[in-house]
Structure formats: structure tokens, C-alpha cells
Amino acid sequence: MKKFIFFPLWRLDELENKLSEMERSGYRLVKVSFLFWFTFVESKPKDMRYYMPITVWRDRSMYECDHAISRNGGHAIECRYCYFSIYRTSAPKEKISLLYGARMDYVKSVLLHKILLFLAGALLFLFVIIAEHGRIPRYDFIKSISAVIIFSLFAGYNLYGYFKQRNKCKKFEKEEM
């Protein structure tokens, strides 16, 4: 069974819980392709946990988490054209809780980088509009304003996610103490 599951970056833990529930109800994840297409097969219900370390292009920060989860009995699931990897493990959540904390902080920093990139893009187009104010045709002006709006919306979306993730990190730190 193929299923389209959309999830924002700051809701990885909810997706992991959903995948664990599907495993308990008899559907095992076997493959993820093109980011949001999850392929399941019917299987014997088991109590398994899923862990999703993300990887940003040319960043090796989460590779240690990949190695740690595979050392703790994590089975890698095939992921094509994704910015994350998925591991299925029977290890108790307490045993891999440090990995969850590391991923939470990493997601927070990734969201902050995305915010800065989108704001830089919006400022770049805004600078072009201001510099070429009287000389660009109306059609190009509308395209530039549209780009500023789109970049600003993406920055706002990631800012919302950043604050959600920051609150999760604070809550996780309180639970650990």
C-alpha cells in the first residue's frame, strides 16, 4: 500500500509515532520515495520504534546519529530522493533518547538557516526593486514583488516551525531533568 504523508520538518516525532502505530496495526514501512510517498506491506504486528535523522545537503552533522542507531539494532529503510533516513528499531525509547535530543537541536538550527536564506532572497529581490525602481518594466516589477512575497512567506513558515521546535526542545529538556 502506498500512502502520501505530508509532514513539516518540526513534526518528525509525530510522524515517527504514526509509523510506529501503523507497525503495531500490521503495516510495515518498506520504502520511502520522493519525500512523501511511503510504501507499506502487511506484516505481523510488532512493537517497533522509528527514528528519522535528517541530513541537509553537504552537512555531516547527523551521521553520528545514523551510526549510533544502527549500532543499537536499527534497520535502515530504503529512502530515495529524501533529505532524511529512517531506521526501525526495537530498542526502548529511553535507550535512544539522546539521539532524539540531538535531532531536535539540529532541526532547530536547520530551520534557522532556512529562515536566514529566505530572508536573504527576499532582501536581494527588494534591493533589485529599489535599485532599478524607475528603469524596470511593470511586468518585471510585478515578478520581483511576487518573489519578495514568496520568499517572505517561506521565511514566515519556517519561523513558525522554528518557534514550535524551540518549544519542543525546552519541553524535552525539562522532561530529561
N, C-alpha and C. Protein backbone atom coordinates (compact mmCIF):
# COMPACT_ATOMS: atom_id res chain seq x y z
N MET A 1 0.85 -1.16 0.00
CA MET A 1 0.00 0.00 0.00
C MET A 1 0.90 1.23 0.00
N LYS A 2 0.64 2.14 -0.92
CA LYS A 2 1.37 3.41 -0.95
C LYS A 2 0.51 4.47 -0.30
N LYS A 3 1.17 5.33 0.45
CA LYS A 3 0.43 6.37 1.15
C LYS A 3 1.22 7.67 1.07
N PHE A 4 0.53 8.76 0.77
CA PHE A 4 1.14 10.08 0.74
C PHE A 4 0.97 10.69 2.13
N ILE A 5 2.10 10.96 2.79
CA ILE A 5 2.06 11.55 4.13
C ILE A 5 2.91 12.82 4.10
N PHE A 6 2.24 13.97 4.20
CA PHE A 6 2.96 15.24 4.25
C PHE A 6 3.28 15.56 5.70
N PHE A 7 4.49 16.01 5.94
CA PHE A 7 4.88 16.40 7.29
C PHE A 7 5.89 17.53 7.21
N PRO A 8 5.70 18.56 8.02
CA PRO A 8 6.74 19.60 8.10
C PRO A 8 7.91 19.10 8.93
N LEU A 9 9.01 19.79 8.82
CA LEU A 9 10.25 19.37 9.46
C LEU A 9 10.14 19.31 10.97
N TRP A 10 9.35 20.16 11.56
CA TRP A 10 9.27 20.22 13.01
C TRP A 10 8.28 19.19 13.57
N ARG A 11 7.70 18.33 12.73
CA ARG A 11 6.78 17.30 13.21
C ARG A 11 7.31 15.89 12.96
N LEU A 12 8.60 15.72 12.96
CA LEU A 12 9.18 14.40 12.73
C LEU A 12 8.77 13.41 13.81
N ASP A 13 8.69 13.87 15.06
CA ASP A 13 8.33 12.96 16.14
C ASP A 13 6.90 12.45 15.99
N GLU A 14 5.99 13.29 15.50
CA GLU A 14 4.62 12.84 15.27
C GLU A 14 4.56 11.81 14.15
N LEU A 15 5.37 12.01 13.11
CA LEU A 15 5.42 11.04 12.02
C LEU A 15 6.00 9.72 12.52
N GLU A 16 7.03 9.77 13.35
CA GLU A 16 7.60 8.54 13.90
C GLU A 16 6.56 7.78 14.72
N ASN A 17 5.77 8.50 15.51
CA ASN A 17 4.71 7.85 16.29
C ASN A 17 3.66 7.24 15.38
N LYS A 18 3.32 7.94 14.29
CA LYS A 18 2.33 7.41 13.35
C LYS A 18 2.85 6.14 12.68
N LEU A 19 4.12 6.13 12.29
CA LEU A 19 4.70 4.94 11.68
C LEU A 19 4.74 3.78 12.67
N SER A 20 5.02 4.07 13.94
CA SER A 20 5.02 3.02 14.97
C SER A 20 3.62 2.45 15.17
N GLU A 21 2.61 3.31 15.15
CA GLU A 21 1.22 2.84 15.27
C GLU A 21 0.83 1.96 14.10
N MET A 22 1.26 2.34 12.89
CA MET A 22 0.96 1.52 11.72
C MET A 22 1.66 0.16 11.83
N GLU A 23 2.86 0.14 12.38
CA GLU A 23 3.58 -1.13 12.59
C GLU A 23 2.82 -2.00 13.58
N ARG A 24 2.29 -1.39 14.64
CA ARG A 24 1.52 -2.15 15.63
C ARG A 24 0.20 -2.65 15.06
N SER A 25 -0.34 -1.94 14.06
CA SER A 25 -1.60 -2.38 13.45
C SER A 25 -1.38 -3.33 12.27
N GLY A 26 -0.12 -3.67 11.97
CA GLY A 26 0.14 -4.69 10.96
C GLY A 26 0.61 -4.17 9.61
N TYR A 27 1.04 -2.93 9.53
CA TYR A 27 1.57 -2.39 8.27
C TYR A 27 3.00 -1.92 8.50
N ARG A 28 3.92 -2.58 7.81
CA ARG A 28 5.35 -2.28 7.98
C ARG A 28 5.84 -1.40 6.85
N LEU A 29 6.58 -0.37 7.20
CA LEU A 29 7.17 0.53 6.22
C LEU A 29 8.34 -0.17 5.54
N VAL A 30 8.36 -0.17 4.19
CA VAL A 30 9.46 -0.81 3.47
C VAL A 30 10.25 0.17 2.62
N LYS A 31 9.62 1.28 2.22
CA LYS A 31 10.33 2.20 1.33
C LYS A 31 9.67 3.57 1.37
N VAL A 32 10.51 4.60 1.21
CA VAL A 32 10.02 5.97 1.05
C VAL A 32 10.64 6.49 -0.23
N SER A 33 9.81 7.06 -1.09
CA SER A 33 10.35 7.63 -2.33
C SER A 33 9.75 9.00 -2.56
N PHE A 34 10.54 9.87 -3.11
CA PHE A 34 10.13 11.23 -3.43
C PHE A 34 9.55 11.96 -2.23
N LEU A 35 10.20 11.86 -1.11
CA LEU A 35 9.95 12.64 0.08
C LEU A 35 8.70 12.27 0.86
N PHE A 36 7.54 12.18 0.24
CA PHE A 36 6.31 11.98 1.00
C PHE A 36 5.55 10.72 0.62
N TRP A 37 6.07 9.88 -0.28
CA TRP A 37 5.39 8.64 -0.68
C TRP A 37 5.95 7.48 0.12
N PHE A 38 5.13 6.97 1.04
CA PHE A 38 5.52 5.88 1.92
C PHE A 38 4.88 4.59 1.43
N THR A 39 5.67 3.52 1.34
CA THR A 39 5.18 2.22 0.88
C THR A 39 5.16 1.27 2.07
N PHE A 40 3.99 0.66 2.31
CA PHE A 40 3.79 -0.27 3.42
C PHE A 40 3.41 -1.64 2.88
N VAL A 41 3.75 -2.67 3.63
CA VAL A 41 3.29 -4.03 3.34
C VAL A 41 2.64 -4.57 4.61
N GLU A 42 1.71 -5.50 4.42
CA GLU A 42 1.08 -6.12 5.58
C GLU A 42 2.08 -7.07 6.23
N SER A 43 2.10 -7.05 7.54
CA SER A 43 3.02 -7.91 8.28
C SER A 43 2.42 -8.24 9.64
N LYS A 44 3.15 -9.02 10.37
CA LYS A 44 2.75 -9.36 11.73
C LYS A 44 2.93 -8.12 12.61
N PRO A 45 1.93 -7.75 13.40
CA PRO A 45 2.07 -6.56 14.26
C PRO A 45 3.20 -6.72 15.27
N LYS A 46 4.04 -5.71 15.36
CA LYS A 46 5.16 -5.70 16.30
C LYS A 46 5.26 -4.33 16.96
N ASP A 47 5.90 -4.33 18.12
CA ASP A 47 6.13 -3.06 18.82
C ASP A 47 7.51 -2.54 18.42
N MET A 48 7.55 -1.68 17.42
CA MET A 48 8.80 -1.13 16.91
C MET A 48 8.75 0.39 17.00
N ARG A 49 9.93 1.00 17.05
CA ARG A 49 10.05 2.44 17.02
C ARG A 49 10.74 2.85 15.74
N TYR A 50 10.40 4.03 15.27
CA TYR A 50 11.05 4.59 14.09
C TYR A 50 11.82 5.83 14.50
N TYR A 51 12.96 6.00 13.89
CA TYR A 51 13.80 7.17 14.15
C TYR A 51 14.22 7.76 12.81
N MET A 52 14.07 9.08 12.67
CA MET A 52 14.35 9.75 11.40
C MET A 52 15.39 10.85 11.57
N PRO A 53 16.66 10.54 11.40
CA PRO A 53 17.65 11.63 11.36
C PRO A 53 17.60 12.31 10.00
N ILE A 54 17.62 13.62 10.00
CA ILE A 54 17.59 14.35 8.73
C ILE A 54 19.01 14.71 8.34
N THR A 55 19.20 14.92 7.05
CA THR A 55 20.51 15.33 6.55
C THR A 55 20.30 16.47 5.57
N VAL A 56 20.98 17.53 5.81
CA VAL A 56 20.95 18.67 4.90
C VAL A 56 22.10 18.51 3.93
N TRP A 57 21.93 18.98 2.73
CA TRP A 57 22.92 18.83 1.68
C TRP A 57 24.28 19.31 2.15
N ARG A 58 25.27 18.47 1.98
CA ARG A 58 26.68 18.73 2.31
C ARG A 58 26.91 18.96 3.80
N ASP A 59 26.06 18.40 4.63
CA ASP A 59 26.23 18.52 6.07
C ASP A 59 26.33 17.11 6.66
N ARG A 60 27.33 16.87 7.45
CA ARG A 60 27.55 15.54 8.01
C ARG A 60 27.27 15.50 9.52
N SER A 61 26.53 16.45 10.03
CA SER A 61 26.32 16.54 11.48
C SER A 61 25.55 15.36 12.05
N MET A 62 24.61 14.81 11.30
CA MET A 62 23.77 13.75 11.84
C MET A 62 24.30 12.35 11.54
N TYR A 63 25.44 12.22 10.91
CA TYR A 63 25.97 10.89 10.59
C TYR A 63 26.29 10.09 11.85
N GLU A 64 26.69 10.76 12.90
CA GLU A 64 26.95 10.05 14.16
C GLU A 64 25.66 9.44 14.71
N CYS A 65 24.54 10.14 14.54
CA CYS A 65 23.26 9.58 14.98
C CYS A 65 22.90 8.37 14.13
N ASP A 66 23.18 8.43 12.83
CA ASP A 66 22.95 7.27 11.96
C ASP A 66 23.73 6.06 12.46
N HIS A 67 24.99 6.27 12.78
CA HIS A 67 25.82 5.16 13.25
C HIS A 67 25.36 4.66 14.62
N ALA A 68 24.96 5.56 15.49
CA ALA A 68 24.52 5.16 16.82
C ALA A 68 23.25 4.34 16.76
N ILE A 69 22.31 4.74 15.92
CA ILE A 69 21.05 3.97 15.83
C ILE A 69 21.29 2.61 15.18
N SER A 70 22.19 2.54 14.22
CA SER A 70 22.46 1.24 13.60
C SER A 70 23.22 0.33 14.56
N ARG A 71 24.04 0.89 15.45
CA ARG A 71 24.71 0.08 16.48
C ARG A 71 23.71 -0.45 17.51
N ASN A 72 22.59 0.25 17.70
CA ASN A 72 21.57 -0.18 18.64
C ASN A 72 20.48 -1.01 17.98
N GLY A 73 20.80 -1.68 16.90
CA GLY A 73 19.86 -2.59 16.27
C GLY A 73 18.89 -1.93 15.31
N GLY A 74 19.20 -0.75 14.83
CA GLY A 74 18.31 -0.07 13.89
C GLY A 74 18.47 -0.62 12.48
N HIS A 75 17.35 -0.88 11.85
CA HIS A 75 17.35 -1.38 10.48
C HIS A 75 17.01 -0.21 9.55
N ALA A 76 17.91 0.09 8.62
CA ALA A 76 17.69 1.21 7.69
C ALA A 76 16.62 0.84 6.67
N ILE A 77 15.73 1.79 6.41
CA ILE A 77 14.67 1.62 5.42
C ILE A 77 15.06 2.41 4.18
N GLU A 78 14.79 1.83 3.03
CA GLU A 78 15.18 2.47 1.77
C GLU A 78 14.45 3.80 1.59
N CYS A 79 15.22 4.84 1.39
CA CYS A 79 14.68 6.18 1.15
C CYS A 79 15.32 6.73 -0.11
N ARG A 80 14.49 7.08 -1.09
CA ARG A 80 15.01 7.66 -2.33
C ARG A 80 14.55 9.09 -2.46
N TYR A 81 15.48 9.95 -2.84
CA TYR A 81 15.20 11.36 -3.07
C TYR A 81 14.60 12.03 -1.83
N CYS A 82 15.19 11.76 -0.68
CA CYS A 82 14.71 12.32 0.59
C CYS A 82 15.86 13.01 1.30
N TYR A 83 15.53 13.93 2.18
CA TYR A 83 16.54 14.60 2.98
C TYR A 83 16.66 13.96 4.36
N PHE A 84 16.10 12.79 4.52
CA PHE A 84 16.15 12.09 5.79
C PHE A 84 16.40 10.61 5.53
N SER A 85 16.75 9.91 6.58
CA SER A 85 16.81 8.46 6.53
C SER A 85 15.90 7.96 7.65
N ILE A 86 15.43 6.74 7.52
CA ILE A 86 14.52 6.18 8.51
C ILE A 86 15.10 4.87 9.02
N TYR A 87 15.06 4.71 10.32
CA TYR A 87 15.51 3.47 10.95
C TYR A 87 14.36 2.89 11.77
N ARG A 88 14.23 1.58 11.69
CA ARG A 88 13.25 0.86 12.51
C ARG A 88 14.05 0.09 13.56
N THR A 89 13.66 0.23 14.81
CA THR A 89 14.39 -0.44 15.88
C THR A 89 13.43 -0.93 16.95
N SER A 90 13.86 -1.96 17.66
CA SER A 90 13.07 -2.45 18.79
C SER A 90 13.65 -1.96 20.11
N ALA A 91 14.68 -1.14 20.05
CA ALA A 91 15.31 -0.59 21.26
C ALA A 91 14.31 0.31 21.99
N PRO A 92 14.31 0.27 23.33
CA PRO A 92 13.41 1.16 24.06
C PRO A 92 13.76 2.63 23.83
N LYS A 93 12.74 3.47 23.90
CA LYS A 93 12.94 4.89 23.61
C LYS A 93 13.95 5.53 24.57
N GLU A 94 14.01 5.05 25.79
CA GLU A 94 14.95 5.61 26.76
C GLU A 94 16.40 5.37 26.32
N LYS A 95 16.63 4.25 25.63
CA LYS A 95 17.99 3.91 25.21
C LYS A 95 18.50 4.85 24.11
N ILE A 96 17.58 5.37 23.30
CA ILE A 96 17.99 6.24 22.20
C ILE A 96 17.49 7.67 22.38
N SER A 97 17.18 8.05 23.62
CA SER A 97 16.63 9.39 23.86
C SER A 97 17.64 10.50 23.56
N LEU A 98 18.93 10.23 23.73
CA LEU A 98 19.93 11.25 23.40
C LEU A 98 19.92 11.56 21.91
N LEU A 99 19.61 10.56 21.10
CA LEU A 99 19.53 10.79 19.65
C LEU A 99 18.36 11.71 19.32
N TYR A 100 17.25 11.54 20.04
CA TYR A 100 16.10 12.42 19.82
C TYR A 100 16.45 13.86 20.19
N GLY A 101 17.16 14.03 21.30
CA GLY A 101 17.56 15.37 21.71
C GLY A 101 18.51 16.02 20.72
N ALA A 102 19.45 15.23 20.20
CA ALA A 102 20.39 15.77 19.20
C ALA A 102 19.66 16.18 17.93
N ARG A 103 18.70 15.36 17.52
CA ARG A 103 17.95 15.70 16.31
C ARG A 103 17.09 16.94 16.52
N MET A 104 16.52 17.09 17.69
CA MET A 104 15.70 18.27 17.97
C MET A 104 16.51 19.55 17.82
N ASP A 105 17.70 19.56 18.39
CA ASP A 105 18.55 20.74 18.27
C ASP A 105 19.00 20.97 16.83
N TYR A 106 19.26 19.89 16.12
CA TYR A 106 19.69 20.01 14.72
C TYR A 106 18.57 20.57 13.85
N VAL A 107 17.34 20.10 14.06
CA VAL A 107 16.20 20.61 13.29
C VAL A 107 16.02 22.10 13.56
N LYS A 108 16.21 22.50 14.81
CA LYS A 108 16.09 23.91 15.16
C LYS A 108 17.11 24.75 14.39
N SER A 109 18.34 24.27 14.30
CA SER A 109 19.36 25.03 13.57
C SER A 109 19.11 25.01 12.06
N VAL A 110 18.59 23.91 11.53
CA VAL A 110 18.25 23.85 10.10
C VAL A 110 17.15 24.85 9.77
N LEU A 111 16.14 24.93 10.63
CA LEU A 111 15.06 25.89 10.40
C LEU A 111 15.58 27.32 10.45
N LEU A 112 16.49 27.59 11.36
CA LEU A 112 17.07 28.93 11.45
C LEU A 112 17.86 29.27 10.18
N HIS A 113 18.61 28.30 9.66
CA HIS A 113 19.33 28.53 8.41
C HIS A 113 18.37 28.79 7.25
N LYS A 114 17.27 28.05 7.21
CA LYS A 114 16.29 28.27 6.13
C LYS A 114 15.67 29.66 6.23
N ILE A 115 15.38 30.09 7.44
CA ILE A 115 14.82 31.43 7.63
C ILE A 115 15.78 32.48 7.09
N LEU A 116 17.04 32.35 7.46
CA LEU A 116 18.04 33.32 7.00
C LEU A 116 18.20 33.30 5.48
N LEU A 117 18.17 32.13 4.87
CA LEU A 117 18.28 32.04 3.41
C LEU A 117 17.09 32.69 2.71
N PHE A 118 15.88 32.42 3.19
CA PHE A 118 14.70 33.01 2.56
C PHE A 118 14.65 34.52 2.78
N LEU A 119 15.06 34.98 3.95
CA LEU A 119 15.12 36.43 4.17
C LEU A 119 16.17 37.08 3.29
N ALA A 120 17.30 36.42 3.09
CA ALA A 120 18.33 36.95 2.20
C ALA A 120 17.81 37.03 0.77
N GLY A 121 17.07 36.01 0.33
CA GLY A 121 16.47 36.05 -1.01
C GLY A 121 15.47 37.18 -1.15
N ALA A 122 14.63 37.37 -0.13
CA ALA A 122 13.66 38.47 -0.17
C ALA A 122 14.37 39.82 -0.20
N LEU A 123 15.40 39.97 0.61
CA LEU A 123 16.14 41.24 0.62
C LEU A 123 16.87 41.48 -0.70
N LEU A 124 17.36 40.43 -1.32
CA LEU A 124 18.02 40.57 -2.61
C LEU A 124 17.06 41.10 -3.67
N PHE A 125 15.88 40.49 -3.76
CA PHE A 125 14.90 40.98 -4.73
C PHE A 125 14.41 42.38 -4.37
N LEU A 126 14.27 42.67 -3.09
CA LEU A 126 13.87 44.00 -2.67
C LEU A 126 14.93 45.03 -3.05
N PHE A 127 16.19 44.67 -2.90
CA PHE A 127 17.28 45.55 -3.30
C PHE A 127 17.24 45.81 -4.80
N VAL A 128 16.97 44.79 -5.59
CA VAL A 128 16.87 44.95 -7.05
C VAL A 128 15.72 45.89 -7.39
N ILE A 129 14.61 45.75 -6.72
CA ILE A 129 13.45 46.62 -6.98
C ILE A 129 13.81 48.07 -6.66
N ILE A 130 14.47 48.29 -5.53
CA ILE A 130 14.82 49.65 -5.13
C ILE A 130 15.86 50.24 -6.07
N ALA A 131 16.86 49.43 -6.44
CA ALA A 131 17.94 49.93 -7.30
C ALA A 131 17.46 50.24 -8.71
N GLU A 132 16.52 49.47 -9.21
CA GLU A 132 16.04 49.64 -10.58
C GLU A 132 14.64 50.26 -10.62
N HIS A 133 14.28 51.03 -9.63
CA HIS A 133 12.91 51.49 -9.45
C HIS A 133 12.29 52.11 -10.71
N GLY A 134 12.91 53.05 -11.29
CA GLY A 134 12.30 53.73 -12.44
C GLY A 134 12.62 53.10 -13.77
N ARG A 135 13.53 52.14 -13.80
CA ARG A 135 14.01 51.62 -15.08
C ARG A 135 13.47 50.25 -15.46
N ILE A 136 12.82 49.52 -14.57
CA ILE A 136 12.34 48.20 -14.95
C ILE A 136 10.89 48.27 -15.40
N PRO A 137 10.52 47.45 -16.38
CA PRO A 137 9.13 47.44 -16.84
C PRO A 137 8.19 46.95 -15.74
N ARG A 138 6.93 47.27 -15.90
CA ARG A 138 5.93 46.93 -14.89
C ARG A 138 5.85 45.41 -14.68
N TYR A 139 5.94 44.64 -15.76
CA TYR A 139 5.86 43.19 -15.66
C TYR A 139 7.00 42.63 -14.80
N ASP A 140 8.21 43.11 -15.00
CA ASP A 140 9.34 42.67 -14.19
C ASP A 140 9.21 43.15 -12.75
N PHE A 141 8.61 44.31 -12.56
CA PHE A 141 8.37 44.82 -11.22
C PHE A 141 7.42 43.89 -10.47
N ILE A 142 6.36 43.45 -11.14
CA ILE A 142 5.39 42.55 -10.52
C ILE A 142 6.04 41.20 -10.19
N LYS A 143 6.89 40.69 -11.09
CA LYS A 143 7.59 39.44 -10.81
C LYS A 143 8.51 39.59 -9.61
N SER A 144 9.19 40.71 -9.51
CA SER A 144 10.11 40.92 -8.39
C SER A 144 9.36 41.04 -7.07
N ILE A 145 8.24 41.76 -7.08
CA ILE A 145 7.42 41.88 -5.87
C ILE A 145 6.87 40.50 -5.48
N SER A 146 6.46 39.71 -6.47
CA SER A 146 5.97 38.36 -6.19
C SER A 146 7.06 37.51 -5.54
N ALA A 147 8.29 37.64 -6.04
CA ALA A 147 9.40 36.88 -5.45
C ALA A 147 9.64 37.30 -4.00
N VAL A 148 9.57 38.61 -3.73
CA VAL A 148 9.75 39.09 -2.36
C VAL A 148 8.67 38.51 -1.45
N ILE A 149 7.43 38.50 -1.94
CA ILE A 149 6.32 37.97 -1.14
C ILE A 149 6.50 36.47 -0.89
N ILE A 150 6.87 35.72 -1.93
CA ILE A 150 7.04 34.27 -1.78
C ILE A 150 8.18 33.95 -0.82
N PHE A 151 9.32 34.62 -0.98
CA PHE A 151 10.44 34.39 -0.07
C PHE A 151 10.05 34.76 1.36
N SER A 152 9.29 35.83 1.53
CA SER A 152 8.87 36.25 2.87
C SER A 152 7.91 35.23 3.49
N LEU A 153 7.01 34.68 2.67
CA LEU A 153 6.08 33.66 3.18
C LEU A 153 6.83 32.40 3.61
N PHE A 154 7.80 31.97 2.81
CA PHE A 154 8.59 30.80 3.20
C PHE A 154 9.39 31.08 4.47
N ALA A 155 9.91 32.28 4.61
CA ALA A 155 10.64 32.65 5.83
C ALA A 155 9.69 32.62 7.03
N GLY A 156 8.47 33.13 6.85
CA GLY A 156 7.48 33.11 7.93
C GLY A 156 7.07 31.70 8.31
N TYR A 157 6.90 30.83 7.32
CA TYR A 157 6.54 29.43 7.55
C TYR A 157 7.64 28.74 8.36
N ASN A 158 8.88 28.96 7.99
CA ASN A 158 10.00 28.35 8.72
C ASN A 158 10.18 28.99 10.09
N LEU A 159 9.86 30.27 10.23
CA LEU A 159 9.92 30.94 11.53
C LEU A 159 8.90 30.32 12.48
N TYR A 160 7.70 30.06 11.96
CA TYR A 160 6.67 29.38 12.76
C TYR A 160 7.19 28.02 13.22
N GLY A 161 7.79 27.27 12.31
CA GLY A 161 8.34 25.96 12.65
C GLY A 161 9.48 26.06 13.65
N TYR A 162 10.29 27.10 13.52
CA TYR A 162 11.41 27.30 14.45
C TYR A 162 10.89 27.49 15.87
N PHE A 163 9.85 28.31 16.04
CA PHE A 163 9.31 28.53 17.38
C PHE A 163 8.65 27.27 17.93
N LYS A 164 7.98 26.51 17.07
CA LYS A 164 7.39 25.24 17.51
C LYS A 164 8.50 24.29 17.97
N GLN A 165 9.58 24.22 17.19
CA GLN A 165 10.68 23.32 17.52
C GLN A 165 11.41 23.79 18.79
N ARG A 166 11.55 25.09 18.95
CA ARG A 166 12.21 25.62 20.15
C ARG A 166 11.41 25.24 21.40
N ASN A 167 10.08 25.34 21.31
CA ASN A 167 9.24 24.96 22.45
C ASN A 167 9.36 23.46 22.75
N LYS A 168 9.45 22.64 21.69
CA LYS A 168 9.63 21.20 21.89
C LYS A 168 10.96 20.91 22.57
N CYS A 169 12.00 21.63 22.18
CA CYS A 169 13.32 21.43 22.79
C CYS A 169 13.29 21.78 24.27
N LYS A 170 12.63 22.87 24.62
CA LYS A 170 12.53 23.26 26.03
C LYS A 170 11.76 22.21 26.82
N LYS A 171 10.66 21.72 26.24
CA LYS A 171 9.86 20.70 26.91
C LYS A 171 10.66 19.40 27.07
N PHE A 172 11.42 19.02 26.05
CA PHE A 172 12.23 17.80 26.11
C PHE A 172 13.31 17.92 27.19
N GLU A 173 13.94 19.09 27.29
CA GLU A 173 14.98 19.29 28.30
C GLU A 173 14.40 19.22 29.71
N LYS A 174 13.17 19.73 29.91
CA LYS A 174 12.54 19.65 31.23
C LYS A 174 12.20 18.21 31.58
N GLU A 175 11.75 17.43 30.58
CA GLU A 175 11.42 16.03 30.84
C GLU A 175 12.66 15.21 31.17
N GLU A 176 13.79 15.55 30.57
CA GLU A 176 15.03 14.81 30.81
C GLU A 176 15.58 15.06 32.20
N MET A 177 15.29 16.20 32.78
CA MET A 177 15.84 16.54 34.10
C MET A 177 15.05 15.91 35.20
